[in-house]
Protein backbone atom coordinates (compact mmCIF):
# COMPACT_ATOMS: atom_id res chain seq x y z
CA LEU A 1 0.00 0.00 0.00
CA VAL A 2 1.36 3.41 -0.91
CA ALA A 3 0.17 6.93 -0.21
CA ALA A 4 -0.47 9.39 -2.97
CA GLY A 5 -0.29 12.58 -0.94
CA ALA A 6 1.91 14.82 1.14
CA LEU A 7 2.64 14.12 4.78
CA LEU A 8 2.16 17.62 6.11
CA SER A 9 -1.27 19.16 6.46
CA PRO A 10 -1.75 21.47 3.48
CA GLY A 11 -0.67 24.99 4.26
CA ALA A 12 0.70 24.09 7.68
CA ALA A 13 3.48 26.40 8.79
CA VAL A 14 6.50 24.65 10.25
CA ALA A 15 8.72 26.48 12.68
CA GLN A 16 12.49 26.10 12.44
CA ASP A 17 12.52 24.33 15.78
CA ALA A 18 9.86 21.84 14.70
CA LEU A 19 10.29 18.22 15.70
CA THR A 20 11.31 16.30 12.59
CA VAL A 21 9.35 13.08 12.06
CA GLU A 22 10.63 10.78 9.32
CA LEU A 23 8.23 8.17 8.00
CA GLY A 24 10.35 5.25 6.85
CA ASP A 25 7.79 4.30 4.25
CA VAL A 26 4.18 5.17 3.44
CA SER A 27 1.83 2.38 4.48
CA LEU A 28 -1.20 1.58 6.62
CA THR A 29 1.00 1.57 9.73
CA LYS A 30 1.57 5.30 9.16
CA LEU A 31 -2.17 6.07 9.15
CA PRO A 32 -2.31 7.13 12.85
CA PHE A 33 0.47 9.67 12.30
CA ILE A 34 -1.17 11.10 9.19
CA MET A 35 -4.42 11.36 11.18
CA ALA A 36 -2.54 13.07 14.01
CA ALA A 37 -1.65 15.81 11.52
CA ASP A 38 -5.11 15.87 9.90
CA TYR A 39 -7.13 16.20 13.10
CA GLY A 40 -4.99 18.48 15.26
CA ILE A 41 -3.67 15.82 17.64
CA TYR A 42 -0.10 17.05 17.34
CA GLU A 43 -1.20 20.63 18.00
CA LYS A 44 -3.37 19.53 20.92
CA ASN A 45 -0.25 18.10 22.52
CA ASN A 46 1.72 21.30 21.85
CA LEU A 47 3.89 19.66 19.22
CA LYS A 48 5.27 21.46 16.17
CA ILE A 49 5.85 18.69 13.67
CA LYS A 50 7.71 18.55 10.37
CA GLN A 51 6.69 15.16 8.98
CA TYR A 52 8.08 13.78 5.73
CA ILE A 53 9.25 10.73 3.84
CA THR A 54 12.79 9.96 2.71
CA PRO A 55 14.05 10.16 -0.88
CA SER A 56 14.48 6.38 -1.03
CA ALA A 57 10.87 5.81 0.06
CA ALA A 58 9.66 8.41 -2.45
CA LYS A 59 11.63 6.67 -5.18
CA ALA A 60 10.08 3.31 -4.28
CA ILE A 61 6.61 4.85 -4.41
CA GLU A 62 7.35 6.53 -7.74
CA ALA A 63 8.30 3.13 -9.18
CA LYS A 64 4.72 2.07 -8.40
CA GLY A 65 3.25 5.03 -10.27
CA VAL A 66 2.83 7.58 -7.46
CA LYS A 67 4.67 10.90 -7.62
CA VAL A 68 5.34 12.45 -4.21
CA PRO A 69 5.60 16.29 -4.30
CA ALA A 70 9.21 17.41 -3.78
CA GLU A 71 8.26 19.65 -0.85
CA ASN A 72 7.16 16.59 1.13
CA ILE A 73 10.46 14.75 0.81
CA GLY A 74 12.99 15.25 3.60
CA ARG A 75 16.68 14.51 3.19
CA GLU A 76 17.66 14.79 6.84
CA GLU A 77 17.59 12.09 9.48
CA GLY A 78 14.46 12.66 11.55
CA ILE A 79 14.77 13.08 15.29
CA ILE A 80 11.85 10.65 15.35
CA ASN A 81 11.66 7.82 12.84
CA ILE A 82 8.33 6.07 12.29
CA GLY A 83 9.57 2.78 10.92
CA GLY A 84 10.47 -0.81 11.59
CA GLY A 85 12.38 -1.64 14.75
CA SER A 86 14.15 -4.53 13.01
CA PRO A 87 15.67 -2.51 10.13
CA THR A 88 16.51 0.32 12.52
CA MET A 89 18.32 -1.91 15.00
CA VAL A 90 20.02 -4.09 12.37
CA ARG A 91 21.34 -1.04 10.55
CA MET A 92 22.45 0.55 13.82
CA HIS A 93 24.47 -2.55 14.70
CA SER A 94 25.99 -3.17 11.28
CA VAL A 95 26.47 0.21 9.56
CA ALA A 96 29.05 2.50 11.16
CA THR A 97 27.34 5.70 9.98
CA ALA A 98 23.79 4.72 11.01
CA PRO A 99 22.09 6.99 13.58
CA HIS A 100 21.70 5.44 17.03
CA ARG A 101 18.07 5.15 18.06
CA ILE A 102 15.96 3.70 20.84
CA ILE A 103 12.47 2.22 20.40
CA LEU A 104 9.74 3.98 22.41
CA ALA A 105 6.72 2.22 20.89
CA THR A 106 5.88 -0.61 18.51
CA THR A 107 2.64 -0.02 16.64
CA ASP A 108 2.82 -3.19 14.50
CA ILE A 109 3.75 -6.31 16.46
CA TYR A 110 2.98 -9.18 14.05
CA SER A 111 4.33 -9.97 10.60
CA ARG A 112 1.75 -9.22 7.89
CA TYR A 113 3.76 -10.77 5.09
CA HIS A 114 2.94 -13.47 2.57
CA ILE A 115 5.59 -15.74 1.06
CA LEU A 116 5.15 -15.52 -2.72
CA SER A 117 6.81 -17.85 -5.18
CA ARG A 118 7.04 -18.94 -8.78
CA ALA A 119 3.94 -20.86 -9.78
CA ASP A 120 5.76 -24.22 -9.82
CA ILE A 121 6.88 -23.87 -6.17
CA LYS A 122 3.87 -25.21 -4.30
CA THR A 123 5.02 -26.56 -0.92
CA ALA A 124 7.64 -25.90 1.74
CA ALA A 125 9.45 -29.00 0.48
CA ASP A 126 10.01 -27.23 -2.85
CA VAL A 127 11.88 -24.33 -1.23
CA LYS A 128 15.24 -25.99 -0.60
CA GLY A 129 17.88 -24.73 -3.02
CA LYS A 130 15.75 -21.84 -4.25
CA ARG A 131 16.69 -18.15 -4.54
CA ILE A 132 14.95 -15.87 -2.04
CA GLY A 133 14.84 -12.14 -2.71
CA TYR A 134 14.48 -9.26 -0.27
CA GLY A 135 15.19 -5.54 -0.04
CA ASN A 136 17.87 -4.97 2.60
CA PRO A 137 19.14 -6.94 5.62
CA GLY A 138 16.91 -6.29 8.62
CA ALA A 139 13.94 -5.13 6.55
CA LEU A 140 10.68 -6.53 7.90
CA SER A 141 10.31 -8.55 4.69
CA HIS A 142 13.79 -10.04 5.22
CA PHE A 143 13.08 -10.66 8.90
CA SER A 144 9.81 -12.41 7.96
CA GLU A 145 11.59 -14.62 5.43
CA LEU A 146 14.19 -15.66 7.99
CA MET A 147 11.51 -16.43 10.58
CA TRP A 148 9.60 -18.52 8.01
CA LEU A 149 12.72 -20.44 6.98
CA LYS A 150 13.33 -21.17 10.64
CA GLN A 151 9.72 -22.33 10.93
CA ILE A 152 10.09 -24.85 8.08
CA GLY A 153 13.50 -26.03 9.24
CA LEU A 154 15.74 -24.53 6.55
CA ASP A 155 19.06 -22.79 7.12
CA PRO A 156 19.24 -19.50 5.17
CA GLU A 157 23.00 -19.91 4.73
CA LYS A 158 23.08 -23.57 3.70
CA ASP A 159 19.69 -24.58 2.31
CA VAL A 160 18.70 -21.59 0.15
CA GLU A 161 20.30 -18.61 -1.61
CA MET A 162 19.48 -15.12 -0.31
CA TYR A 163 19.63 -12.06 -2.59
CA SER A 164 19.28 -8.43 -1.52
CA ASN A 165 17.76 -5.81 -3.86
CA GLY A 166 15.53 -8.57 -5.17
CA GLY A 167 12.28 -8.27 -3.27
CA GLU A 168 9.89 -7.08 -5.98
CA ILE A 169 7.36 -8.98 -8.10
CA GLU A 170 9.41 -7.97 -11.14
CA ASP A 171 12.42 -9.82 -9.73
CA VAL A 172 10.50 -13.09 -9.85
CA LEU A 173 9.00 -12.38 -13.26
CA LYS A 174 12.46 -11.63 -14.70
CA GLY A 175 13.95 -14.77 -13.17
CA ARG A 176 16.31 -13.06 -10.76
CA VAL A 177 14.84 -14.85 -7.73
CA ASP A 178 12.25 -17.56 -7.07
CA ILE A 179 10.61 -16.36 -3.85
CA ILE A 180 9.81 -12.95 -2.33
CA THR A 181 7.60 -11.56 0.43
CA ALA A 182 4.85 -8.96 0.13
CA ASN A 183 1.92 -7.59 2.09
CA GLY A 184 -1.19 -5.49 1.56
CA VAL A 185 -2.41 -4.93 -1.98
CA SER A 186 0.90 -6.21 -3.40
CA VAL A 187 -0.22 -9.77 -2.60
CA GLU A 188 -3.18 -9.56 -4.98
CA GLU A 189 -0.99 -7.86 -7.56
CA ALA A 190 1.49 -10.75 -7.35
CA LYS A 191 -1.30 -13.30 -7.83
CA LYS A 192 -2.46 -11.46 -10.94
CA HIS A 193 1.04 -11.93 -12.34
CA GLY A 194 0.89 -15.67 -11.70
CA LEU A 195 2.84 -15.90 -8.45
CA ASN A 196 1.81 -18.49 -5.89
CA ASP A 197 0.74 -17.41 -2.39
CA LEU A 198 2.91 -20.07 -0.80
CA HIS A 199 2.37 -19.15 2.85
CA ASN A 200 0.47 -16.46 4.76
CA LEU A 201 2.32 -15.48 7.93
CA VAL A 202 -0.57 -13.41 9.32
CA PRO A 203 -2.40 -16.29 11.09
CA ASP A 204 0.93 -17.48 12.54
CA LYS A 205 1.14 -14.34 14.70
CA VAL A 206 4.90 -14.11 14.24
CA HIS A 207 6.09 -11.46 16.71
CA MET A 208 8.29 -8.81 15.13
CA PRO A 209 9.82 -5.48 16.12
CA GLY A 210 7.67 -3.82 13.47
CA SER A 211 6.77 -0.25 12.67
CA GLY A 212 6.87 2.11 15.62
CA VAL A 213 8.39 5.22 17.19
CA ASN A 214 12.18 5.26 17.19
CA VAL A 215 14.04 8.32 18.50
CA LEU A 216 17.66 9.44 18.41
CA SER A 217 19.39 8.10 21.51
CA ASP A 218 21.38 11.27 22.19
CA TRP A 219 18.26 13.46 21.83
CA LEU A 220 16.09 11.58 24.31
CA PRO A 221 17.75 12.36 27.69
CA LYS A 222 17.23 16.12 27.35
CA ASN A 223 13.83 15.87 25.66
CA ARG A 224 11.88 13.31 27.63
CA GLU A 225 8.93 15.64 28.15
CA VAL A 226 8.63 16.20 24.38
CA ALA A 227 8.93 12.46 23.79
CA ALA A 228 6.16 11.85 26.32
CA ARG A 229 3.88 14.27 24.47
CA PHE A 230 4.64 12.55 21.18
CA ILE A 231 3.77 9.11 22.57
CA LYS A 232 0.59 10.57 24.07
CA ALA A 233 -0.30 11.92 20.61
CA THR A 234 0.48 8.48 19.16
CA VAL A 235 -1.94 6.58 21.41
CA GLU A 236 -4.61 9.27 20.86
CA ALA A 237 -4.21 8.95 17.08
CA ILE A 238 -4.46 5.15 17.26
CA ALA A 239 -7.65 5.49 19.31
CA LEU A 240 -9.13 8.00 16.87
CA MET A 241 -8.34 5.67 13.97
CA LYS A 242 -10.01 2.74 15.73
CA THR A 243 -13.09 4.57 17.01
CA ASP A 244 -13.90 6.88 14.08
CA LYS A 245 -13.98 4.92 10.84
CA GLU A 246 -15.23 7.86 8.78
CA LYS A 247 -12.29 10.05 9.80
CA ALA A 248 -9.91 7.19 9.02
CA PHE A 249 -11.58 6.79 5.63
CA ALA A 250 -11.30 10.55 5.00
CA SER A 251 -7.56 10.47 5.69
CA MET A 252 -7.11 7.42 3.46
CA ARG A 253 -9.00 9.13 0.64
CA LYS A 254 -6.98 12.30 1.12
CA TRP A 255 -3.50 10.84 1.52
CA TYR A 256 -3.77 7.43 -0.14
CA GLY A 257 -6.11 8.37 -2.99
CA ILE A 258 -8.36 5.35 -2.28
CA THR A 259 -12.08 5.66 -3.01
CA ASP A 260 -13.20 2.03 -3.50
CA PRO A 261 -15.37 1.19 -0.42
CA LYS A 262 -14.23 -2.46 -0.40
CA VAL A 263 -10.56 -1.45 -0.44
CA LEU A 264 -11.14 1.11 2.31
CA GLU A 265 -12.88 -1.51 4.46
CA GLY A 266 -10.10 -4.03 3.89
CA ILE A 267 -7.32 -1.62 4.80
CA TYR A 268 -9.25 -0.34 7.80
CA ALA A 269 -9.78 -3.88 9.12
CA GLU A 270 -6.04 -4.48 8.99
CA ALA A 271 -5.12 -1.07 10.41
CA THR A 272 -7.46 -1.48 13.39
CA ASP A 273 -5.59 -4.66 14.29
CA LEU A 274 -2.75 -2.46 15.54
CA PRO A 275 -2.42 -2.62 19.34
CA ASN A 276 -4.19 -0.06 21.54
CA LYS A 277 -1.15 -0.04 23.81
CA PRO A 278 1.95 0.13 21.59
CA TYR A 279 4.50 -1.29 24.00
CA PRO A 280 7.91 -1.94 22.41
CA SER A 281 7.83 -5.58 21.30
CA ILE A 282 10.12 -7.62 23.55
CA GLU A 283 9.06 -10.88 21.85
CA GLY A 284 9.73 -9.34 18.46
CA LEU A 285 13.21 -8.28 19.55
CA LYS A 286 13.91 -11.78 20.85
CA ASN A 287 12.96 -13.09 17.41
CA MET A 288 15.22 -10.48 15.82
CA GLN A 289 18.13 -11.72 17.92
CA SER A 290 17.36 -15.31 16.92
CA VAL A 291 17.86 -14.61 13.20
CA TYR A 292 20.46 -11.81 13.26
CA LYS A 293 23.14 -13.44 15.32
CA TRP A 294 26.20 -11.23 15.12
CA ARG A 295 27.81 -10.12 18.35
CA ALA A 296 26.71 -6.47 18.30
CA ILE A 297 23.06 -7.57 18.53
CA THR A 298 23.17 -10.81 20.53
CA ARG A 299 25.34 -9.45 23.35
CA LYS A 300 22.45 -7.18 24.36
CA LYS A 301 19.23 -7.94 26.18
CA PRO A 302 15.98 -7.09 24.36
CA GLU A 303 15.34 -4.40 26.96
CA ASP A 304 18.55 -2.62 25.90
CA PHE A 305 16.92 -1.60 22.61
CA ILE A 306 13.88 0.10 24.15
CA ASP A 307 12.45 2.61 26.60
CA ALA A 308 8.94 1.44 27.44
CA SER A 309 8.42 3.99 30.23
CA PHE A 310 6.29 6.38 28.15
CA VAL A 311 3.72 3.79 27.13
CA THR A 312 3.85 2.24 30.61
CA GLU A 313 2.99 5.54 32.31
CA LEU A 314 0.03 6.17 30.00
CA ASP A 315 -1.19 2.62 30.50
CA LYS A 316 -0.87 2.51 34.30
CA SER A 317 -2.61 5.87 34.65
CA GLY A 318 -5.63 4.47 32.81
CA TYR A 319 -5.29 7.12 30.10
CA ILE A 320 -5.17 4.68 27.17
CA ASP A 321 -8.16 2.68 28.39
CA GLY A 322 -10.05 5.95 28.84
CA LEU A 323 -9.66 6.74 25.13
CA TYR A 324 -11.86 3.75 24.30
CA LYS A 325 -14.63 4.29 26.87
CA LYS A 326 -17.93 5.34 25.34
CA ASP A 327 -19.70 8.38 26.82
């Protein structure tokens, strides 16, 4: 799923000292943050937000036929990144120049990916020796593939061949790889091109450190009050999304360019599966450590990657539950 619109409210003035919020991609998991901008939730929490997507994400969207306006593309590293915990942590522990971040919230705790293959690959037994494509190491698609291989008893280093920059439907159609992962509307698109939906990971409830709120580690100590307001805005936006379907639909029409009622209902059903209380996913991080085994990651405890105190405080105070109580 891709968004067709800008990520700042039209005409919104952004102060120089605005909090920069970088959306790692544009998908249903970003809907609460788009709604936070649409319906004044950021402003209500006294937050000045500059929210944008990265050039690489814009390029990926453009490849699918959507042109993102240049003014909505940010080239700086956001103080806050709304993106996957797995790619953020893997990059941080394997790329010397990667920004150091800490996870404050996980808004997507289960893998939503489907394993898609060439039409002649029909069972798990057919997978051995095949070429599996993905985007980058640590990406949630890559993480999901590794978890699935573990599930079916195959070693990614000995039993299959893994290829980065090969995670698109086109890569299968052109014979570069045999198997990829996809989610959302891309699954139906893959089927239309003759790919086989080999395995749906959604019912498996595979815990992952998915999309969430990741902040710069050196920014957090002096800005905890701002971070607390941002997490408060996050849980309020999730609640608004879940309790006001029409507002969610309006944001999807505005930002995603979707008007088909059936598509809106399908996306909404998946989006409302996001947790009310977006605690950082400890189980997801344990899974991350089970498939990315180098020393920089495995020497740490899952708790070392997170600061759950902001969600914990809102939860223990009863604030989050109160957002869902009917008048």
